[in-house]
Amino acid sequence: MVPDPVLDRLEASFERRRARMLRTHEGKWALMIYRRVGEPTEFFDTAHDAVTAGYRKAAGQRFLVKQVLKEDRVIQMPYRVVVADHR
């Protein structure tokens, strides 16, 4: 995978703030906008609300939406490869 310095910076900012966010916003969805990475994070009840606000407020800038939890959830999805002969 190609390194992504913008995403790395947003993730690092989230990690630095995680403990503080857990005290007041556990379970909420955090919105962090790249051009405002040093500014306060906004919080939402649903991922949909956070993403919608991100598109509206980021004005073309990259943003991160992540749930404030003690540990990130890891989702494992089974995969299946189907090969079809299209003759």
PDB file of N, CA and C in Angstrom:
ATOM      1  N   MET A   1       0.840  -1.167   0.000  1.00  0.00           N
ATOM      2  CA  MET A   1       0.000   0.000   0.000  1.00  0.00           C
ATOM      3  C   MET A   1       0.896   1.245   0.000  1.00  0.00           C
ATOM      4  N   VAL A   2       0.474   2.255  -0.715  1.00  0.00           N
ATOM      5  CA  VAL A   2       1.224   3.500  -0.822  1.00  0.00           C
ATOM      6  C   VAL A   2       1.017   4.334   0.444  1.00  0.00           C
ATOM      7  N   PRO A   3       2.097   4.865   1.025  1.00  0.00           N
ATOM      8  CA  PRO A   3       1.947   5.722   2.209  1.00  0.00           C
ATOM      9  C   PRO A   3       1.059   6.933   1.908  1.00  0.00           C
ATOM     10  N   ASP A   4       0.283   7.343   2.882  1.00  0.00           N
ATOM     11  CA  ASP A   4      -0.617   8.486   2.733  1.00  0.00           C
ATOM     12  C   ASP A   4      -0.350   9.452   3.882  1.00  0.00           C
ATOM     13  N   PRO A   5       0.488  10.473   3.654  1.00  0.00           N
ATOM     14  CA  PRO A   5       0.856  11.382   4.741  1.00  0.00           C
ATOM     15  C   PRO A   5      -0.328  12.162   5.324  1.00  0.00           C
ATOM     16  N   VAL A   6      -1.330  12.446   4.529  1.00  0.00           N
ATOM     17  CA  VAL A   6      -2.507  13.165   5.045  1.00  0.00           C
ATOM     18  C   VAL A   6      -3.267  12.278   6.022  1.00  0.00           C
ATOM     19  N   LEU A   7      -3.550  11.048   5.620  1.00  0.00           N
ATOM     20  CA  LEU A   7      -4.244  10.126   6.505  1.00  0.00           C
ATOM     21  C   LEU A   7      -3.404   9.814   7.738  1.00  0.00           C
ATOM     22  N   ASP A   8      -2.094   9.666   7.551  1.00  0.00           N
ATOM     23  CA  ASP A   8      -1.210   9.417   8.697  1.00  0.00           C
ATOM     24  C   ASP A   8      -1.289  10.553   9.712  1.00  0.00           C
ATOM     25  N   ARG A   9      -1.323  11.778   9.237  1.00  0.00           N
ATOM     26  CA  ARG A   9      -1.392  12.932  10.145  1.00  0.00           C
ATOM     27  C   ARG A   9      -2.733  12.983  10.884  1.00  0.00           C
ATOM     28  N   LEU A  10      -3.814  12.704  10.161  1.00  0.00           N
ATOM     29  CA  LEU A  10      -5.132  12.681  10.798  1.00  0.00           C
ATOM     30  C   LEU A  10      -5.214  11.567  11.839  1.00  0.00           C
ATOM     31  N   GLU A  11      -4.714  10.382  11.495  1.00  0.00           N
ATOM     32  CA  GLU A  11      -4.728   9.254  12.443  1.00  0.00           C
ATOM     33  C   GLU A  11      -3.886   9.572  13.678  1.00  0.00           C
ATOM     34  N   ALA A  12      -2.715  10.165  13.476  1.00  0.00           N
ATOM     35  CA  ALA A  12      -1.843  10.513  14.604  1.00  0.00           C
ATOM     36  C   ALA A  12      -2.519  11.533  15.516  1.00  0.00           C
ATOM     37  N   SER A  13      -3.201  12.503  14.927  1.00  0.00           N
ATOM     38  CA  SER A  13      -3.911  13.498  15.720  1.00  0.00           C
ATOM     39  C   SER A  13      -5.030  12.836  16.525  1.00  0.00           C
ATOM     40  N   PHE A  14      -5.744  11.908  15.909  1.00  0.00           N
ATOM     41  CA  PHE A  14      -6.799  11.179  16.615  1.00  0.00           C
ATOM     42  C   PHE A  14      -6.210  10.416  17.804  1.00  0.00           C
ATOM     43  N   GLU A  15      -5.093   9.723  17.570  1.00  0.00           N
ATOM     44  CA  GLU A  15      -4.471   8.924  18.639  1.00  0.00           C
ATOM     45  C   GLU A  15      -3.998   9.798  19.801  1.00  0.00           C
ATOM     46  N   ARG A  16      -3.446  10.972  19.494  1.00  0.00           N
ATOM     47  CA  ARG A  16      -3.007  11.884  20.557  1.00  0.00           C
ATOM     48  C   ARG A  16      -4.182  12.348  21.405  1.00  0.00           C
ATOM     49  N   ARG A  17      -5.343  12.465  20.813  1.00  0.00           N
ATOM     50  CA  ARG A  17      -6.525  12.985  21.506  1.00  0.00           C
ATOM     51  C   ARG A  17      -7.442  11.892  22.059  1.00  0.00           C
ATOM     52  N   ARG A  18      -7.165  10.626  21.738  1.00  0.00           N
ATOM     53  CA  ARG A  18      -8.096   9.540  22.073  1.00  0.00           C
ATOM     54  C   ARG A  18      -8.484   9.530  23.557  1.00  0.00           C
ATOM     55  N   ALA A  19      -7.508   9.555  24.456  1.00  0.00           N
ATOM     56  CA  ALA A  19      -7.803   9.467  25.895  1.00  0.00           C
ATOM     57  C   ALA A  19      -8.717  10.611  26.339  1.00  0.00           C
ATOM     58  N   ARG A  20      -8.442  11.806  25.872  1.00  0.00           N
ATOM     59  CA  ARG A  20      -9.257  12.967  26.243  1.00  0.00           C
ATOM     60  C   ARG A  20     -10.671  12.842  25.661  1.00  0.00           C
ATOM     61  N   MET A  21     -10.771  12.368  24.409  1.00  0.00           N
ATOM     62  CA  MET A  21     -12.083  12.226  23.774  1.00  0.00           C
ATOM     63  C   MET A  21     -12.912  11.139  24.461  1.00  0.00           C
ATOM     64  N   LEU A  22     -12.244  10.087  24.938  1.00  0.00           N
ATOM     65  CA  LEU A  22     -12.960   8.998  25.603  1.00  0.00           C
ATOM     66  C   LEU A  22     -13.689   9.476  26.854  1.00  0.00           C
ATOM     67  N   ARG A  23     -13.121  10.441  27.541  1.00  0.00           N
ATOM     68  CA  ARG A  23     -13.734  10.934  28.781  1.00  0.00           C
ATOM     69  C   ARG A  23     -15.089  11.602  28.548  1.00  0.00           C
ATOM     70  N   THR A  24     -15.244  12.231  27.396  1.00  0.00           N
ATOM     71  CA  THR A  24     -16.473  12.996  27.180  1.00  0.00           C
ATOM     72  C   THR A  24     -17.285  12.568  25.956  1.00  0.00           C
ATOM     73  N   HIS A  25     -16.691  11.788  25.056  1.00  0.00           N
ATOM     74  CA  HIS A  25     -17.379  11.469  23.797  1.00  0.00           C
ATOM     75  C   HIS A  25     -17.300   9.991  23.415  1.00  0.00           C
ATOM     76  N   GLU A  26     -17.126   9.106  24.373  1.00  0.00           N
ATOM     77  CA  GLU A  26     -17.001   7.678  24.047  1.00  0.00           C
ATOM     78  C   GLU A  26     -18.231   7.193  23.276  1.00  0.00           C
ATOM     79  N   GLY A  27     -17.964   6.474  22.191  1.00  0.00           N
ATOM     80  CA  GLY A  27     -19.029   5.929  21.358  1.00  0.00           C
ATOM     81  C   GLY A  27     -19.493   6.857  20.263  1.00  0.00           C
ATOM     82  N   LYS A  28     -19.162   8.135  20.347  1.00  0.00           N
ATOM     83  CA  LYS A  28     -19.536   9.104  19.312  1.00  0.00           C
ATOM     84  C   LYS A  28     -18.604   8.949  18.100  1.00  0.00           C
ATOM     85  N   TRP A  29     -18.981   9.568  17.010  1.00  0.00           N
ATOM     86  CA  TRP A  29     -18.176   9.557  15.787  1.00  0.00           C
ATOM     87  C   TRP A  29     -17.482  10.911  15.663  1.00  0.00           C
ATOM     88  N   ALA A  30     -16.160  10.876  15.569  1.00  0.00           N
ATOM     89  CA  ALA A  30     -15.353  12.092  15.484  1.00  0.00           C
ATOM     90  C   ALA A  30     -15.134  12.472  14.023  1.00  0.00           C
ATOM     91  N   LEU A  31     -15.185  13.758  13.756  1.00  0.00           N
ATOM     92  CA  LEU A  31     -14.876  14.307  12.435  1.00  0.00           C
ATOM     93  C   LEU A  31     -13.644  15.185  12.575  1.00  0.00           C
ATOM     94  N   MET A  32     -12.594  14.842  11.837  1.00  0.00           N
ATOM     95  CA  MET A  32     -11.370  15.642  11.827  1.00  0.00           C
ATOM     96  C   MET A  32     -11.081  16.033  10.384  1.00  0.00           C
ATOM     97  N   ILE A  33     -10.953  17.321  10.139  1.00  0.00           N
ATOM     98  CA  ILE A  33     -10.709  17.844   8.793  1.00  0.00           C
ATOM     99  C   ILE A  33      -9.236  18.214   8.680  1.00  0.00           C
ATOM    100  N   TYR A  34      -8.590  17.817   7.598  1.00  0.00           N
ATOM    101  CA  TYR A  34      -7.148  17.981   7.449  1.00  0.00           C
ATOM    102  C   TYR A  34      -6.687  19.421   7.606  1.00  0.00           C
ATOM    103  N   ARG A  35      -7.314  20.350   6.946  1.00  0.00           N
ATOM    104  CA  ARG A  35      -6.843  21.743   7.013  1.00  0.00           C
ATOM    105  C   ARG A  35      -7.062  22.352   8.387  1.00  0.00           C
ATOM    106  N   ARG A  36      -7.863  21.679   9.216  1.00  0.00           N
ATOM    107  CA  ARG A  36      -8.128  22.172  10.570  1.00  0.00           C
ATOM    108  C   ARG A  36      -7.722  21.139  11.608  1.00  0.00           C
ATOM    109  N   VAL A  37      -6.649  20.388  11.312  1.00  0.00           N
ATOM    110  CA  VAL A  37      -6.267  19.273  12.171  1.00  0.00           C
ATOM    111  C   VAL A  37      -5.931  19.726  13.595  1.00  0.00           C
ATOM    112  N   GLY A  38      -5.527  20.962  13.771  1.00  0.00           N
ATOM    113  CA  GLY A  38      -5.217  21.473  15.100  1.00  0.00           C
ATOM    114  C   GLY A  38      -6.419  22.010  15.849  1.00  0.00           C
ATOM    115  N   GLU A  39      -7.555  22.100  15.160  1.00  0.00           N
ATOM    116  CA  GLU A  39      -8.760  22.646  15.780  1.00  0.00           C
ATOM    117  C   GLU A  39      -9.550  21.549  16.489  1.00  0.00           C
ATOM    118  N   PRO A  40     -10.498  21.936  17.324  1.00  0.00           N
ATOM    119  CA  PRO A  40     -11.313  20.932  18.020  1.00  0.00           C
ATOM    120  C   PRO A  40     -12.032  20.013  17.043  1.00  0.00           C
ATOM    121  N   THR A  41     -12.128  18.783  17.443  1.00  0.00           N
ATOM    122  CA  THR A  41     -12.839  17.782  16.669  1.00  0.00           C
ATOM    123  C   THR A  41     -14.334  17.938  16.927  1.00  0.00           C
ATOM    124  N   GLU A  42     -15.131  17.670  15.905  1.00  0.00           N
ATOM    125  CA  GLU A  42     -16.585  17.680  16.088  1.00  0.00           C
ATOM    126  C   GLU A  42     -17.051  16.242  16.287  1.00  0.00           C
ATOM    127  N   PHE A  43     -18.145  16.060  17.008  1.00  0.00           N
ATOM    128  CA  PHE A  43     -18.641  14.729  17.330  1.00  0.00           C
ATOM    129  C   PHE A  43     -20.099  14.581  16.911  1.00  0.00           C
ATOM    130  N   PHE A  44     -20.444  13.355  16.495  1.00  0.00           N
ATOM    131  CA  PHE A  44     -21.780  13.070  15.983  1.00  0.00           C
ATOM    132  C   PHE A  44     -22.255  11.731  16.531  1.00  0.00           C
ATOM    133  N   ASP A  45     -23.572  11.549  16.530  1.00  0.00           N
ATOM    134  CA  ASP A  45     -24.151  10.304  17.036  1.00  0.00           C
ATOM    135  C   ASP A  45     -24.009   9.147  16.057  1.00  0.00           C
ATOM    136  N   THR A  46     -23.966   9.442  14.763  1.00  0.00           N
ATOM    137  CA  THR A  46     -23.872   8.381  13.763  1.00  0.00           C
ATOM    138  C   THR A  46     -22.736   8.660  12.789  1.00  0.00           C
ATOM    139  N   ALA A  47     -22.239   7.593  12.190  1.00  0.00           N
ATOM    140  CA  ALA A  47     -21.195   7.731  11.161  1.00  0.00           C
ATOM    141  C   ALA A  47     -21.745   8.525   9.976  1.00  0.00           C
ATOM    142  N   HIS A  48     -22.995   8.275   9.631  1.00  0.00           N
ATOM    143  CA  HIS A  48     -23.613   8.981   8.500  1.00  0.00           C
ATOM    144  C   HIS A  48     -23.619  10.488   8.728  1.00  0.00           C
ATOM    145  N   ASP A  49     -24.009  10.906   9.930  1.00  0.00           N
ATOM    146  CA  ASP A  49     -24.033  12.343  10.234  1.00  0.00           C
ATOM    147  C   ASP A  49     -22.638  12.941  10.159  1.00  0.00           C
ATOM    148  N   ALA A  50     -21.632  12.215  10.646  1.00  0.00           N
ATOM    149  CA  ALA A  50     -20.252  12.713  10.629  1.00  0.00           C
ATOM    150  C   ALA A  50     -19.728  12.829   9.203  1.00  0.00           C
ATOM    151  N   VAL A  51     -19.999  11.835   8.376  1.00  0.00           N
ATOM    152  CA  VAL A  51     -19.542  11.867   6.979  1.00  0.00           C
ATOM    153  C   VAL A  51     -20.243  12.985   6.218  1.00  0.00           C
ATOM    154  N   THR A  52     -21.547  13.122   6.426  1.00  0.00           N
ATOM    155  CA  THR A  52     -22.298  14.190   5.761  1.00  0.00           C
ATOM    156  C   THR A  52     -21.737  15.559   6.141  1.00  0.00           C
ATOM    157  N   ALA A  53     -21.466  15.761   7.416  1.00  0.00           N
ATOM    158  CA  ALA A  53     -20.874  17.031   7.864  1.00  0.00           C
ATOM    159  C   ALA A  53     -19.480  17.211   7.275  1.00  0.00           C
ATOM    160  N   GLY A  54     -18.734  16.136   7.172  1.00  0.00           N
ATOM    161  CA  GLY A  54     -17.396  16.215   6.582  1.00  0.00           C
ATOM    162  C   GLY A  54     -17.437  16.717   5.149  1.00  0.00           C
ATOM    163  N   TYR A  55     -18.317  16.159   4.344  1.00  0.00           N
ATOM    164  CA  TYR A  55     -18.439  16.621   2.956  1.00  0.00           C
ATOM    165  C   TYR A  55     -18.885  18.067   2.888  1.00  0.00           C
ATOM    166  N   ARG A  56     -19.776  18.461   3.801  1.00  0.00           N
ATOM    167  CA  ARG A  56     -20.285  19.831   3.794  1.00  0.00           C
ATOM    168  C   ARG A  56     -19.243  20.835   4.277  1.00  0.00           C
ATOM    169  N   LYS A  57     -18.497  20.491   5.325  1.00  0.00           N
ATOM    170  CA  LYS A  57     -17.598  21.445   5.965  1.00  0.00           C
ATOM    171  C   LYS A  57     -16.167  21.419   5.440  1.00  0.00           C
ATOM    172  N   ALA A  58     -15.741  20.312   4.855  1.00  0.00           N
ATOM    173  CA  ALA A  58     -14.329  20.180   4.476  1.00  0.00           C
ATOM    174  C   ALA A  58     -13.974  20.946   3.209  1.00  0.00           C
ATOM    175  N   ALA A  59     -14.956  21.339   2.428  1.00  0.00           N
ATOM    176  CA  ALA A  59     -14.726  22.130   1.212  1.00  0.00           C
ATOM    177  C   ALA A  59     -13.622  21.539   0.342  1.00  0.00           C
ATOM    178  N   GLY A  60     -13.720  20.261   0.074  1.00  0.00           N
ATOM    179  CA  GLY A  60     -12.748  19.618  -0.802  1.00  0.00           C
ATOM    180  C   GLY A  60     -11.498  19.099  -0.110  1.00  0.00           C
ATOM    181  N   GLN A  61     -11.345  19.383   1.175  1.00  0.00           N
ATOM    182  CA  GLN A  61     -10.195  18.887   1.927  1.00  0.00           C
ATOM    183  C   GLN A  61     -10.475  17.462   2.393  1.00  0.00           C
ATOM    184  N   ARG A  62      -9.418  16.729   2.673  1.00  0.00           N
ATOM    185  CA  ARG A  62      -9.572  15.369   3.177  1.00  0.00           C
ATOM    186  C   ARG A  62     -10.006  15.416   4.643  1.00  0.00           C
ATOM    187  N   PHE A  63     -10.746  14.407   5.052  1.00  0.00           N
ATOM    188  CA  PHE A  63     -11.180  14.348   6.451  1.00  0.00           C
ATOM    189  C   PHE A  63     -11.233  12.898   6.902  1.00  0.00           C
ATOM    190  N   LEU A  64     -11.251  12.738   8.223  1.00  0.00           N
ATOM    191  CA  LEU A  64     -11.295  11.430   8.852  1.00  0.00           C
ATOM    192  C   LEU A  64     -12.538  11.357   9.728  1.00  0.00           C
ATOM    193  N   VAL A  65     -13.276  10.257   9.619  1.00  0.00           N
ATOM    194  CA  VAL A  65     -14.394   9.974  10.502  1.00  0.00           C
ATOM    195  C   VAL A  65     -14.063   8.664  11.197  1.00  0.00           C
ATOM    196  N   LYS A  66     -14.068   8.703  12.523  1.00  0.00           N
ATOM    197  CA  LYS A  66     -13.686   7.519  13.281  1.00  0.00           C
ATOM    198  C   LYS A  66     -14.451   7.498  14.596  1.00  0.00           C
ATOM    199  N   GLN A  67     -14.890   6.308  15.002  1.00  0.00           N
ATOM    200  CA  GLN A  67     -15.628   6.197  16.260  1.00  0.00           C
ATOM    201  C   GLN A  67     -14.658   6.247  17.432  1.00  0.00           C
ATOM    202  N   VAL A  68     -15.061   6.966  18.474  1.00  0.00           N
ATOM    203  CA  VAL A  68     -14.226   7.127  19.659  1.00  0.00           C
ATOM    204  C   VAL A  68     -14.465   5.918  20.571  1.00  0.00           C
ATOM    205  N   LEU A  69     -13.521   4.990  20.535  1.00  0.00           N
ATOM    206  CA  LEU A  69     -13.570   3.774  21.338  1.00  0.00           C
ATOM    207  C   LEU A  69     -12.217   3.550  21.990  1.00  0.00           C
ATOM    208  N   LYS A  70     -12.190   2.738  23.052  1.00  0.00           N
ATOM    209  CA  LYS A  70     -10.915   2.436  23.704  1.00  0.00           C
ATOM    210  C   LYS A  70      -9.972   1.740  22.745  1.00  0.00           C
ATOM    211  N   GLU A  71     -10.499   0.832  21.954  1.00  0.00           N
ATOM    212  CA  GLU A  71      -9.715   0.136  20.932  1.00  0.00           C
ATOM    213  C   GLU A  71     -10.515   0.148  19.642  1.00  0.00           C
ATOM    214  N   ASP A  72      -9.827   0.308  18.529  1.00  0.00           N
ATOM    215  CA  ASP A  72     -10.508   0.284  17.239  1.00  0.00           C
ATOM    216  C   ASP A  72     -11.076  -1.101  16.981  1.00  0.00           C
ATOM    217  N   ARG A  73     -12.246  -1.132  16.412  1.00  0.00           N
ATOM    218  CA  ARG A  73     -12.858  -2.400  16.024  1.00  0.00           C
ATOM    219  C   ARG A  73     -12.190  -2.896  14.750  1.00  0.00           C
ATOM    220  N   VAL A  74     -11.950  -4.178  14.707  1.00  0.00           N
ATOM    221  CA  VAL A  74     -11.410  -4.793  13.501  1.00  0.00           C
ATOM    222  C   VAL A  74     -12.507  -5.661  12.920  1.00  0.00           C
ATOM    223  N   ILE A  75     -12.833  -5.402  11.689  1.00  0.00           N
ATOM    224  CA  ILE A  75     -13.881  -6.160  11.024  1.00  0.00           C
ATOM    225  C   ILE A  75     -13.224  -7.129  10.057  1.00  0.00           C
ATOM    226  N   GLN A  76     -13.500  -8.388  10.231  1.00  0.00           N
ATOM    227  CA  GLN A  76     -12.982  -9.390   9.316  1.00  0.00           C
ATOM    228  C   GLN A  76     -14.116  -9.829   8.413  1.00  0.00           C
ATOM    229  N   MET A  77     -13.846  -9.803   7.147  1.00  0.00           N
ATOM    230  CA  MET A  77     -14.862 -10.189   6.187  1.00  0.00           C
ATOM    231  C   MET A  77     -14.351 -11.378   5.379  1.00  0.00           C
ATOM    232  N   PRO A  78     -15.144 -12.418   5.304  1.00  0.00           N
ATOM    233  CA  PRO A  78     -14.724 -13.529   4.461  1.00  0.00           C
ATOM    234  C   PRO A  78     -14.772 -13.090   3.003  1.00  0.00           C
ATOM    235  N   TYR A  79     -13.939 -13.657   2.212  1.00  0.00           N
ATOM    236  CA  TYR A  79     -13.970 -13.330   0.794  1.00  0.00           C
ATOM    237  C   TYR A  79     -14.030 -14.613   0.000  1.00  0.00           C
ATOM    238  N   ARG A  80     -14.519 -14.484  -1.166  1.00  0.00           N
ATOM    239  CA  ARG A  80     -14.650 -15.623  -2.044  1.00  0.00           C
ATOM    240  C   ARG A  80     -14.363 -15.138  -3.453  1.00  0.00           C
ATOM    241  N   VAL A  81     -13.549 -15.845  -4.127  1.00  0.00           N
ATOM    242  CA  VAL A  81     -13.211 -15.475  -5.493  1.00  0.00           C
ATOM    243  C   VAL A  81     -14.025 -16.345  -6.430  1.00  0.00           C
ATOM    244  N   VAL A  82     -14.747 -15.692  -7.295  1.00  0.00           N
ATOM    245  CA  VAL A  82     -15.539 -16.416  -8.284  1.00  0.00           C
ATOM    246  C   VAL A  82     -14.952 -16.098  -9.655  1.00  0.00           C
ATOM    247  N   VAL A  83     -14.571 -17.130 -10.345  1.00  0.00           N
ATOM    248  CA  VAL A  83     -14.029 -16.957 -11.694  1.00  0.00           C
ATOM    249  C   VAL A  83     -15.054 -17.513 -12.669  1.00  0.00           C
ATOM    250  N   ALA A  84     -15.507 -16.667 -13.547  1.00  0.00           N
ATOM    251  CA  ALA A  84     -16.498 -17.101 -14.527  1.00  0.00           C
ATOM    252  C   ALA A  84     -15.882 -17.034 -15.922  1.00  0.00           C
ATOM    253  N   ASP A  85     -16.194 -17.989 -16.721  1.00  0.00           N
ATOM    254  CA  ASP A  85     -15.717 -18.029 -18.097  1.00  0.00           C
ATOM    255  C   ASP A  85     -16.727 -17.253 -18.943  1.00  0.00           C
ATOM    256  N   HIS A  86     -16.290 -16.146 -19.501  1.00  0.00           N
ATOM    257  CA  HIS A  86     -17.188 -15.269 -20.290  1.00  0.00           C
ATOM    258  C   HIS A  86     -16.921 -15.448 -21.768  1.00  0.00           C
ATOM    259  N   ARG A  87     -17.211 -16.617 -22.302  1.00  0.00           N
ATOM    260  CA  ARG A  87     -17.026 -16.822 -23.749  1.00  0.00           C
ATOM    261  C   ARG A  87     -18.298 -16.551 -24.501  1.00  0.00           C
TER     262      ARG A  87
END
